[in-house]
Amino acid sequence: MRVNTRRYGAHIGLRARLALRRWSRRAVFLLGGIAVGGAAVSMAKLADRAQAAFLWLIDQFPYIGLAVTPLGFGLASVLARDCFPNSQGSGIPQAIAALHIAEQERRAPLVSLRVAGGKIVVMTLGLLCGASIGREGPTVQVGAAIMFALGRFSPYRQAGFLLAGAAAGVAAAFNTPLAGIVFGIEEMSRSFESRTSGLIIGAVIAAGLTAMSLLGDYSYFGTTNATLPLGESWVAILVCAIAGGLMGGLFIRIVALFAGGAPGGLGRVIRSYPILFAMICGLGVAICGLHGDASVFGTGYSQARQVVHADGPVDYWFAPLKFAATAISAISGIPGGVFSPSLAVGAGLASALSLLFHSVPLGALALVGMVSYLAGVVQAPITSFVIVSEMTNDHAMIIPLMAAALIADGASKLLSREGLYHLLSKNFRPPPGEARSQAADQRAGLEGTPA
């Protein structure tokens, strides 16, 4: 039997080239995950120091926020509009919009390294002046920008890089790898692509390991052992989930109203004087802080953790004040996320409802409140209960959290048909006639490219 050595050699050479492409692609995703993990840790440290500096200033001069916060909001608005356009707000809507844009060059303004750098700078400035914002949403945009930059220098230009960067950003920001993957599937893409799933998981693992190596292995809110046995306590789940979902839907309506320019004369004023409007918003946040003993400023992490562990006095006014401060910060247009503040509002809601449900452990009710309000805002119930359960390493609460997320999602949809991030992403997308669907984009980018 005669063997065609030339054809056999060409076949071996093709297989070797395909294998090299597969491994080079995996290496790019792993390198990107490491970079995202490092960026997430840096953003966490910057955010903590900026918030601590502002709280120290408020402690020394209680009324100085009435001047510092409006001026800081105004400066942040100028930087976001003139120096770093597309850096405003959470950053997750920009990442979602980029996934729906087929052309690489049209994606770049939303997820460029320039935008990522500006996001970090202006977000830190916002926390330095007392804004009620978080760092986790911005970490998603920064993660997507890092992976997008790596994708531009590789032969694999496709939405998978953006998706992996966003998922790795959530995983590294909260130390919740499973939630990062679920977030990428449920909230970012709203679909599952088997050919890229392994690469996304690899990026999440790399980002998570990088964050762990720098910060150590930890649970975001610390480990809890809260439980909610069957019985009367499940009435609290129903009430808390409905209340959290409706509050989340109301938050969406408020932010969407101003994101669209607001109706009538108010809209014209905002468009004509955006910097002045941002300063007025800053003043509103400062006033909320005066009535909330400075607890409404910043991310709200320490307040939420205190409620989760039932450590300290219960502040029944924290939830409405934090809700107002976060909504005002969001409509101002300055860069900053709503993930952490939403968890804080949910914990505060649980504090208020503890007046009605004395027999329900506050820690367990806090977890239900966080899931309920977060699910109401983002309308991603799976992400909501997975991320909270991972944050506390409390597996006994999985079923109650699932139920709360599902009920809250339904309650939120009574006020808003879409979640906050997808609703706001429409402001960054091209007109429908000019944009191809995400699925078509992924198929075009993946066709003929080995995983």
Protein backbone atom coordinates (compact mmCIF):
# COMPACT_ATOMS: atom_id res chain seq x y z
CA MET A 1 0.00 0.00 0.00
CA ARG A 2 1.49 3.31 -1.11
CA VAL A 3 1.19 6.35 1.18
CA ASN A 4 1.04 9.85 -0.25
CA THR A 5 3.72 11.38 1.98
CA ARG A 6 3.14 14.90 0.67
CA ARG A 7 -0.56 14.84 1.51
CA TYR A 8 0.13 13.18 4.87
CA GLY A 9 2.75 15.79 5.74
CA ALA A 10 0.36 18.62 4.81
CA HIS A 11 -2.33 17.06 7.01
CA ILE A 12 0.06 16.85 9.97
CA GLY A 13 1.14 20.43 9.37
CA LEU A 14 -2.47 21.65 9.33
CA ARG A 15 -3.24 19.86 12.59
CA ALA A 16 -0.14 21.38 14.17
CA ARG A 17 -1.16 24.89 13.07
CA LEU A 18 -4.69 24.42 14.39
CA ALA A 19 -3.37 23.17 17.72
CA LEU A 20 -1.01 26.15 17.94
CA ARG A 21 -3.90 28.52 17.25
CA ARG A 22 -6.02 26.90 19.94
CA TRP A 23 -3.31 27.12 22.57
CA SER A 24 -2.32 30.67 21.62
CA ARG A 25 -5.96 31.69 21.96
CA ARG A 26 -6.19 30.09 25.37
CA ALA A 27 -2.99 31.82 26.42
CA VAL A 28 -4.43 35.20 25.41
CA PHE A 29 -7.55 34.59 27.52
CA LEU A 30 -5.46 33.51 30.52
CA LEU A 31 -3.18 36.54 30.18
CA GLY A 32 -6.24 38.76 29.98
CA GLY A 33 -7.71 37.15 33.09
CA ILE A 34 -4.53 37.86 35.03
CA ALA A 35 -4.59 41.49 33.89
CA VAL A 36 -8.27 41.87 34.83
CA GLY A 37 -7.62 40.37 38.26
CA GLY A 38 -4.79 42.82 38.88
CA ALA A 39 -6.92 45.75 37.73
CA ALA A 40 -9.79 44.67 40.00
CA VAL A 41 -7.52 44.53 43.04
CA SER A 42 -6.06 47.95 42.23
CA MET A 43 -9.52 49.44 41.85
CA ALA A 44 -10.61 47.91 45.15
CA LYS A 45 -7.68 49.45 47.00
CA LEU A 46 -8.13 52.85 45.35
CA ALA A 47 -11.84 52.82 46.18
CA ASP A 48 -11.25 51.90 49.82
CA ARG A 49 -8.65 54.62 50.31
CA ALA A 50 -10.72 57.29 48.56
CA GLN A 51 -13.79 56.47 50.64
CA ALA A 52 -11.77 56.38 53.86
CA ALA A 53 -10.28 59.80 53.06
CA PHE A 54 -13.71 61.36 52.54
CA LEU A 55 -15.14 59.82 55.70
CA TRP A 56 -12.16 61.13 57.66
CA LEU A 57 -12.79 64.60 56.25
CA ILE A 58 -16.47 64.42 57.15
CA ASP A 59 -15.56 63.29 60.65
CA GLN A 60 -13.31 66.32 61.10
CA PHE A 61 -15.63 68.84 59.41
CA PRO A 62 -19.21 67.48 59.39
CA TYR A 63 -20.65 70.08 56.99
CA ILE A 64 -17.81 70.24 54.50
CA GLY A 65 -19.62 67.75 52.27
CA LEU A 66 -22.05 70.52 51.33
CA ALA A 67 -19.16 72.11 49.42
CA VAL A 68 -16.84 69.21 48.57
CA THR A 69 -19.47 66.84 47.19
CA PRO A 70 -21.09 69.26 44.69
CA LEU A 71 -17.68 70.48 43.49
CA GLY A 72 -16.45 66.91 43.15
CA PHE A 73 -19.55 65.91 41.18
CA GLY A 74 -19.05 68.86 38.86
CA LEU A 75 -15.39 68.01 38.22
CA ALA A 76 -16.20 64.34 37.69
CA SER A 77 -18.90 65.29 35.20
CA VAL A 78 -16.48 67.50 33.25
CA LEU A 79 -13.88 64.73 33.08
CA ALA A 80 -16.43 62.10 32.07
CA ARG A 81 -17.95 64.26 29.33
CA ASP A 82 -14.92 66.03 27.88
CA CYS A 83 -11.87 63.89 28.68
CA PHE A 84 -13.21 60.34 28.91
CA PRO A 85 -16.50 60.10 26.98
CA ASN A 86 -18.41 56.84 27.44
CA SER A 87 -16.99 56.42 30.95
CA GLN A 88 -20.11 57.71 32.69
CA GLY A 89 -22.33 55.57 34.84
CA SER A 90 -21.80 51.95 35.75
CA GLY A 91 -19.95 50.81 32.64
CA ILE A 92 -21.93 47.58 32.32
CA PRO A 93 -24.37 49.15 29.79
CA GLN A 94 -21.38 50.14 27.63
CA ALA A 95 -20.02 46.60 27.75
CA ILE A 96 -23.43 45.17 26.82
CA ALA A 97 -23.77 47.65 23.96
CA ALA A 98 -20.32 46.70 22.68
CA LEU A 99 -21.44 43.08 22.50
CA HIS A 100 -24.29 44.11 20.20
CA ILE A 101 -22.05 46.03 17.80
CA ALA A 102 -20.54 43.94 15.03
CA GLU A 103 -17.73 46.21 13.85
CA GLN A 104 -14.60 46.29 15.97
CA GLU A 105 -13.91 49.97 15.29
CA ARG A 106 -17.37 50.95 16.49
CA ARG A 107 -16.90 48.98 19.67
CA ALA A 108 -13.63 50.68 20.53
CA PRO A 109 -15.04 53.99 21.87
CA LEU A 110 -17.06 52.06 24.47
CA VAL A 111 -14.36 49.69 25.71
CA SER A 112 -11.01 51.29 24.91
CA LEU A 113 -8.10 51.39 27.33
CA ARG A 114 -8.46 55.18 27.43
CA VAL A 115 -12.03 54.80 28.65
CA ALA A 116 -10.90 52.19 31.17
CA GLY A 117 -8.18 54.46 32.56
CA GLY A 118 -10.58 57.37 32.79
CA LYS A 119 -13.15 55.15 34.47
CA ILE A 120 -10.72 54.28 37.25
CA VAL A 121 -9.62 57.89 37.77
CA VAL A 122 -13.06 59.50 37.78
CA MET A 123 -14.68 56.70 39.79
CA THR A 124 -12.02 57.21 42.46
CA LEU A 125 -12.71 60.94 42.38
CA GLY A 126 -16.41 60.25 42.89
CA LEU A 127 -15.74 58.20 46.02
CA LEU A 128 -13.28 60.82 47.19
CA CYS A 129 -16.09 63.39 47.21
CA GLY A 130 -18.74 61.15 48.78
CA ALA A 131 -20.75 59.80 45.85
CA SER A 132 -22.97 56.79 46.57
CA ILE A 133 -21.39 54.56 43.93
CA GLY A 134 -19.62 51.20 43.70
CA ARG A 135 -16.53 49.92 41.92
CA GLU A 136 -17.82 46.55 40.70
CA GLY A 137 -19.72 47.83 37.65
CA PRO A 138 -16.72 49.90 36.53
CA THR A 139 -14.56 46.79 36.97
CA VAL A 140 -16.74 45.06 34.37
CA GLN A 141 -16.10 47.80 31.80
CA VAL A 142 -12.39 47.86 32.64
CA GLY A 143 -12.22 44.06 32.32
CA ALA A 144 -13.99 44.18 28.96
CA ALA A 145 -11.61 46.92 27.79
CA ILE A 146 -8.53 44.91 28.75
CA MET A 147 -9.75 41.81 26.94
CA PHE A 148 -10.86 43.87 23.95
CA ALA A 149 -7.37 45.37 23.68
CA LEU A 150 -5.81 41.91 23.74
CA GLY A 151 -8.30 40.75 21.14
CA ARG A 152 -7.25 43.53 18.78
CA PHE A 153 -3.66 42.28 18.86
CA SER A 154 -4.69 38.71 18.15
CA PRO A 155 -6.32 37.09 15.11
CA TYR A 156 -9.49 36.33 17.12
CA ARG A 157 -11.57 39.48 17.05
CA GLN A 158 -14.92 38.50 18.49
CA ALA A 159 -17.43 39.14 21.24
CA GLY A 160 -15.97 36.31 23.32
CA PHE A 161 -13.18 38.60 24.50
CA LEU A 162 -15.64 41.19 25.78
CA LEU A 163 -17.73 38.54 27.46
CA ALA A 164 -14.71 36.97 29.15
CA GLY A 165 -13.45 40.35 30.37
CA ALA A 166 -16.82 41.27 31.87
CA ALA A 167 -17.21 37.89 33.58
CA ALA A 168 -13.65 38.03 34.92
CA GLY A 169 -14.31 41.54 36.24
CA VAL A 170 -17.26 40.39 38.36
CA ALA A 171 -15.39 37.32 39.55
CA ALA A 172 -12.34 39.30 40.65
CA ALA A 173 -14.28 42.24 42.13
CA PHE A 174 -16.40 40.09 44.46
CA ASN A 175 -14.21 36.97 44.66
CA THR A 176 -17.18 35.08 43.22
CA PRO A 177 -16.02 32.98 40.24
CA LEU A 178 -19.31 31.16 39.76
CA ALA A 179 -21.24 34.42 39.83
CA GLY A 180 -18.85 35.83 37.23
CA ILE A 181 -19.69 33.02 34.82
CA VAL A 182 -23.43 33.28 35.50
CA PHE A 183 -23.28 37.06 35.06
CA GLY A 184 -21.62 36.64 31.68
CA ILE A 185 -24.30 34.22 30.51
CA GLU A 186 -27.44 35.72 32.05
CA GLU A 187 -26.80 39.45 32.11
CA MET A 188 -24.18 40.18 29.45
CA SER A 189 -24.92 37.80 26.58
CA ARG A 190 -28.24 36.23 27.64
CA SER A 191 -27.14 33.14 25.75
CA PHE A 192 -24.72 30.24 26.09
CA GLU A 193 -21.97 29.66 23.53
CA SER A 194 -20.36 26.27 24.10
CA ARG A 195 -17.37 27.05 21.88
CA THR A 196 -16.26 29.93 24.07
CA SER A 197 -17.42 28.71 27.47
CA GLY A 198 -14.13 27.01 28.30
CA LEU A 199 -12.15 30.10 27.40
CA ILE A 200 -14.38 32.34 29.51
CA ILE A 201 -14.03 29.97 32.46
CA GLY A 202 -10.28 30.05 31.98
CA ALA A 203 -10.26 33.86 32.09
CA VAL A 204 -12.42 33.82 35.24
CA ILE A 205 -10.08 31.33 36.91
CA ALA A 206 -7.02 33.44 36.03
CA ALA A 207 -8.66 36.63 37.32
CA GLY A 208 -9.84 34.92 40.49
CA LEU A 209 -6.46 33.38 41.24
CA THR A 210 -4.74 36.73 40.66
CA ALA A 211 -7.10 38.47 43.08
CA MET A 212 -6.68 35.69 45.64
CA SER A 213 -2.89 35.85 45.40
CA LEU A 214 -2.97 39.58 46.14
CA LEU A 215 -5.80 39.71 48.69
CA GLY A 216 -6.01 36.14 49.98
CA ASP A 217 -8.99 33.80 49.90
CA TYR A 218 -11.98 35.51 51.47
CA SER A 219 -15.76 35.82 51.37
CA TYR A 220 -16.89 39.31 50.38
CA PHE A 221 -19.22 39.69 53.36
CA GLY A 222 -17.61 37.02 55.51
CA THR A 223 -19.00 33.55 56.17
CA THR A 224 -22.48 33.35 57.67
CA ASN A 225 -24.56 30.47 59.02
CA ALA A 226 -27.97 32.09 58.64
CA THR A 227 -30.97 29.83 58.01
CA LEU A 228 -34.68 30.30 57.35
CA PRO A 229 -36.63 27.16 58.25
CA LEU A 230 -40.03 26.47 56.71
CA GLY A 231 -42.84 28.24 58.47
CA GLU A 232 -43.69 31.81 59.35
CA SER A 233 -40.28 33.09 58.30
CA TRP A 234 -41.20 32.47 54.67
CA VAL A 235 -43.84 35.17 54.94
CA ALA A 236 -40.91 37.52 55.48
CA ILE A 237 -39.35 36.27 52.24
CA LEU A 238 -42.53 37.07 50.32
CA VAL A 239 -42.88 40.56 51.80
CA CYS A 240 -39.18 41.38 51.47
CA ALA A 241 -38.99 40.10 47.89
CA ILE A 242 -42.02 42.10 46.76
CA ALA A 243 -40.78 45.25 48.50
CA GLY A 244 -37.25 44.83 47.14
CA GLY A 245 -38.48 44.13 43.62
CA LEU A 246 -40.76 47.16 43.58
CA MET A 247 -37.98 49.39 44.95
CA GLY A 248 -35.65 48.04 42.28
CA GLY A 249 -38.20 48.72 39.57
CA LEU A 250 -38.69 52.24 40.89
CA PHE A 251 -34.93 52.79 40.79
CA ILE A 252 -34.88 51.70 37.13
CA ARG A 253 -37.69 54.10 36.26
CA ILE A 254 -35.95 57.04 37.95
CA VAL A 255 -32.56 56.43 36.33
CA ALA A 256 -34.06 55.68 32.91
CA LEU A 257 -36.11 58.87 33.06
CA PHE A 258 -33.05 61.05 33.48
CA ALA A 259 -30.85 58.95 31.20
CA GLY A 260 -33.29 59.75 28.44
CA GLY A 261 -32.86 63.47 29.09
CA ALA A 262 -35.97 63.87 31.27
CA PRO A 263 -39.18 65.26 29.81
CA GLY A 264 -40.17 68.86 29.22
CA GLY A 265 -38.33 71.85 30.63
CA LEU A 266 -36.29 69.80 33.06
CA GLY A 267 -34.78 67.86 30.17
CA ARG A 268 -33.78 71.07 28.39
CA VAL A 269 -32.14 72.38 31.55
CA ILE A 270 -30.15 69.16 32.03
CA ARG A 271 -28.98 69.14 28.40
CA SER A 272 -28.04 72.82 28.54
CA TYR A 273 -26.33 72.76 31.94
CA PRO A 274 -25.08 69.21 32.60
CA ILE A 275 -22.27 70.32 34.91
CA LEU A 276 -24.62 72.43 37.00
CA PHE A 277 -27.06 69.54 37.18
CA ALA A 278 -24.28 67.22 38.38
CA MET A 279 -23.36 69.74 41.10
CA ILE A 280 -27.00 69.95 42.21
CA CYS A 281 -27.02 66.15 42.42
CA GLY A 282 -23.86 66.33 44.53
CA LEU A 283 -25.60 68.72 46.89
CA GLY A 284 -28.52 66.30 47.14
CA VAL A 285 -26.19 63.46 48.11
CA ALA A 286 -24.52 65.68 50.70
CA ILE A 287 -27.90 66.53 52.25
CA CYS A 288 -28.78 62.81 52.40
CA GLY A 289 -25.48 62.27 54.18
CA LEU A 290 -26.25 64.88 56.78
CA HIS A 291 -29.40 63.04 57.78
CA GLY A 292 -27.78 59.62 57.63
CA ASP A 293 -24.77 60.12 59.89
CA ALA A 294 -22.45 59.91 56.83
CA SER A 295 -23.44 56.26 56.31
CA VAL A 296 -24.99 56.87 52.87
CA PHE A 297 -21.71 58.01 51.33
CA GLY A 298 -19.56 55.58 49.34
CA THR A 299 -20.22 51.97 48.46
CA GLY A 300 -22.24 51.01 51.56
CA TYR A 301 -20.15 47.87 52.02
CA SER A 302 -19.46 48.28 55.74
CA GLN A 303 -23.11 49.08 56.51
CA ALA A 304 -24.34 46.03 54.58
CA ARG A 305 -21.79 43.79 56.27
CA GLN A 306 -22.87 45.10 59.66
CA VAL A 307 -26.50 44.17 58.96
CA VAL A 308 -25.56 40.74 57.58
CA HIS A 309 -23.71 39.89 60.77
CA ALA A 310 -26.20 41.73 63.03
CA ASP A 311 -23.25 43.66 64.40
CA GLY A 312 -24.32 47.00 65.83
CA PRO A 313 -27.51 49.04 66.09
CA VAL A 314 -30.13 48.84 63.36
CA ASP A 315 -30.63 52.04 61.34
CA TYR A 316 -34.20 51.98 60.06
CA TRP A 317 -33.69 55.08 57.87
CA PHE A 318 -30.62 53.77 56.11
CA ALA A 319 -32.48 52.10 53.22
CA PRO A 320 -34.49 55.11 51.99
CA LEU A 321 -31.54 57.48 52.42
CA LYS A 322 -29.15 55.14 50.62
CA PHE A 323 -31.72 54.59 47.89
CA ALA A 324 -32.06 58.34 47.37
CA ALA A 325 -28.30 58.99 47.44
CA THR A 326 -27.63 56.17 44.97
CA ALA A 327 -30.39 57.28 42.59
CA ILE A 328 -29.11 60.86 42.69
CA SER A 329 -25.54 59.71 42.06
CA ALA A 330 -26.70 57.55 39.15
CA ILE A 331 -28.66 60.30 37.37
CA SER A 332 -25.81 62.80 37.78
CA GLY A 333 -23.85 61.11 35.00
CA ILE A 334 -20.61 60.62 36.92
CA PRO A 335 -18.81 57.26 36.59
CA GLY A 336 -19.70 54.72 39.25
CA GLY A 337 -21.58 51.48 39.70
CA VAL A 338 -24.73 50.50 41.57
CA PHE A 339 -23.87 46.91 42.52
CA SER A 340 -22.50 47.54 46.02
CA PRO A 341 -24.94 50.35 46.85
CA SER A 342 -27.80 48.06 45.76
CA LEU A 343 -26.64 45.38 48.18
CA ALA A 344 -26.50 48.04 50.89
CA VAL A 345 -30.04 49.24 50.11
CA GLY A 346 -31.26 45.64 50.26
CA ALA A 347 -29.61 45.12 53.64
CA GLY A 348 -31.14 48.37 54.86
CA LEU A 349 -34.55 47.21 53.66
CA ALA A 350 -34.12 44.09 55.77
CA SER A 351 -33.30 46.28 58.78
CA ALA A 352 -36.53 48.19 58.34
CA LEU A 353 -38.61 45.01 57.88
CA SER A 354 -37.11 43.52 61.03
CA LEU A 355 -39.60 45.75 62.88
CA LEU A 356 -42.37 43.52 61.48
CA PHE A 357 -40.58 40.18 61.67
CA HIS A 358 -39.00 40.02 65.12
CA SER A 359 -38.62 36.24 65.06
CA VAL A 360 -36.67 36.14 61.79
CA PRO A 361 -32.87 36.32 62.22
CA LEU A 362 -31.64 39.66 60.93
CA GLY A 363 -28.69 38.10 59.12
CA ALA A 364 -30.94 35.78 57.11
CA LEU A 365 -33.37 38.59 56.35
CA ALA A 366 -30.45 40.76 55.19
CA LEU A 367 -29.43 38.16 52.60
CA VAL A 368 -33.01 37.99 51.33
CA GLY A 369 -33.17 41.78 51.18
CA MET A 370 -29.91 42.06 49.22
CA VAL A 371 -30.99 39.45 46.68
CA SER A 372 -34.44 41.00 46.34
CA TYR A 373 -33.33 44.54 45.68
CA LEU A 374 -30.44 43.51 43.42
CA ALA A 375 -32.74 41.27 41.39
CA GLY A 376 -35.21 44.14 41.18
CA VAL A 377 -32.57 46.49 39.76
CA VAL A 378 -30.79 44.21 37.29
CA GLN A 379 -33.65 41.75 36.63
CA ALA A 380 -31.14 38.89 36.53
CA PRO A 381 -32.44 36.58 39.27
CA ILE A 382 -29.89 33.79 38.85
CA THR A 383 -26.95 36.18 39.05
CA SER A 384 -28.50 37.83 42.08
CA PHE A 385 -28.90 34.77 44.27
CA VAL A 386 -25.64 33.17 43.12
CA ILE A 387 -23.57 36.25 43.85
CA VAL A 388 -25.02 36.79 47.34
CA SER A 389 -24.70 33.14 48.29
CA GLU A 390 -21.05 33.14 47.14
CA MET A 391 -20.36 36.37 49.00
CA THR A 392 -21.39 34.80 52.29
CA ASN A 393 -20.59 31.14 51.63
CA ASP A 394 -24.01 30.32 53.09
CA HIS A 395 -25.35 27.28 51.25
CA ALA A 396 -28.25 26.78 53.66
CA MET A 397 -29.89 29.92 52.26
CA ILE A 398 -29.84 28.88 48.60
CA ILE A 399 -33.53 27.92 48.34
CA PRO A 400 -34.85 31.03 50.17
CA LEU A 401 -32.59 33.24 48.02
CA MET A 402 -33.80 31.56 44.84
CA ALA A 403 -37.41 32.18 45.83
CA ALA A 404 -36.72 35.80 46.75
CA ALA A 405 -34.90 36.47 43.46
CA LEU A 406 -37.74 35.01 41.40
CA ILE A 407 -40.46 36.94 43.24
CA ALA A 408 -38.48 40.21 43.19
CA ASP A 409 -37.81 39.87 39.47
CA GLY A 410 -41.53 39.54 38.81
CA ALA A 411 -42.38 42.49 41.07
CA SER A 412 -39.77 44.67 39.35
CA LYS A 413 -41.21 43.89 35.92
CA LEU A 414 -44.48 45.47 37.05
CA LEU A 415 -42.69 48.84 36.90
CA SER A 416 -40.05 48.22 34.23
CA ARG A 417 -40.03 45.64 31.46
CA GLU A 418 -36.23 45.64 31.26
CA GLY A 419 -33.42 45.58 33.78
CA LEU A 420 -31.33 48.67 34.38
CA TYR A 421 -28.23 47.64 32.44
CA HIS A 422 -29.95 46.47 29.27
CA LEU A 423 -32.25 49.48 29.30
CA LEU A 424 -29.34 51.92 29.57
CA SER A 425 -27.26 50.03 27.01
CA LYS A 426 -29.65 51.25 24.28
CA ASN A 427 -28.20 54.75 24.74
CA PHE A 428 -24.83 53.46 23.52
CA ARG A 429 -25.97 51.29 20.62
CA PRO A 430 -26.25 52.39 16.99
CA PRO A 431 -29.71 52.65 15.43
CA PRO A 432 -31.37 49.24 15.02
CA GLY A 433 -31.05 49.35 11.23
CA GLU A 434 -27.28 49.72 11.43
CA ALA A 435 -26.52 47.10 14.07
CA ARG A 436 -26.41 43.34 13.66
CA SER A 437 -27.55 41.07 16.45
CA GLN A 438 -25.09 39.73 18.97
CA ALA A 439 -25.75 36.16 17.90
CA ALA A 440 -24.95 36.96 14.27
CA ASP A 441 -21.78 38.75 15.36
CA GLN A 442 -20.62 35.81 17.43
CA ARG A 443 -21.34 33.36 14.63
CA ALA A 444 -19.38 35.50 12.17
CA GLY A 445 -16.47 35.79 14.54
CA LEU A 446 -16.47 32.13 15.54
CA GLU A 447 -17.04 30.58 12.12
CA GLY A 448 -14.01 28.61 11.15
CA THR A 449 -12.14 29.51 14.35
CA PRO A 450 -11.25 26.50 16.48
CA ALA A 451 -11.96 26.72 20.19
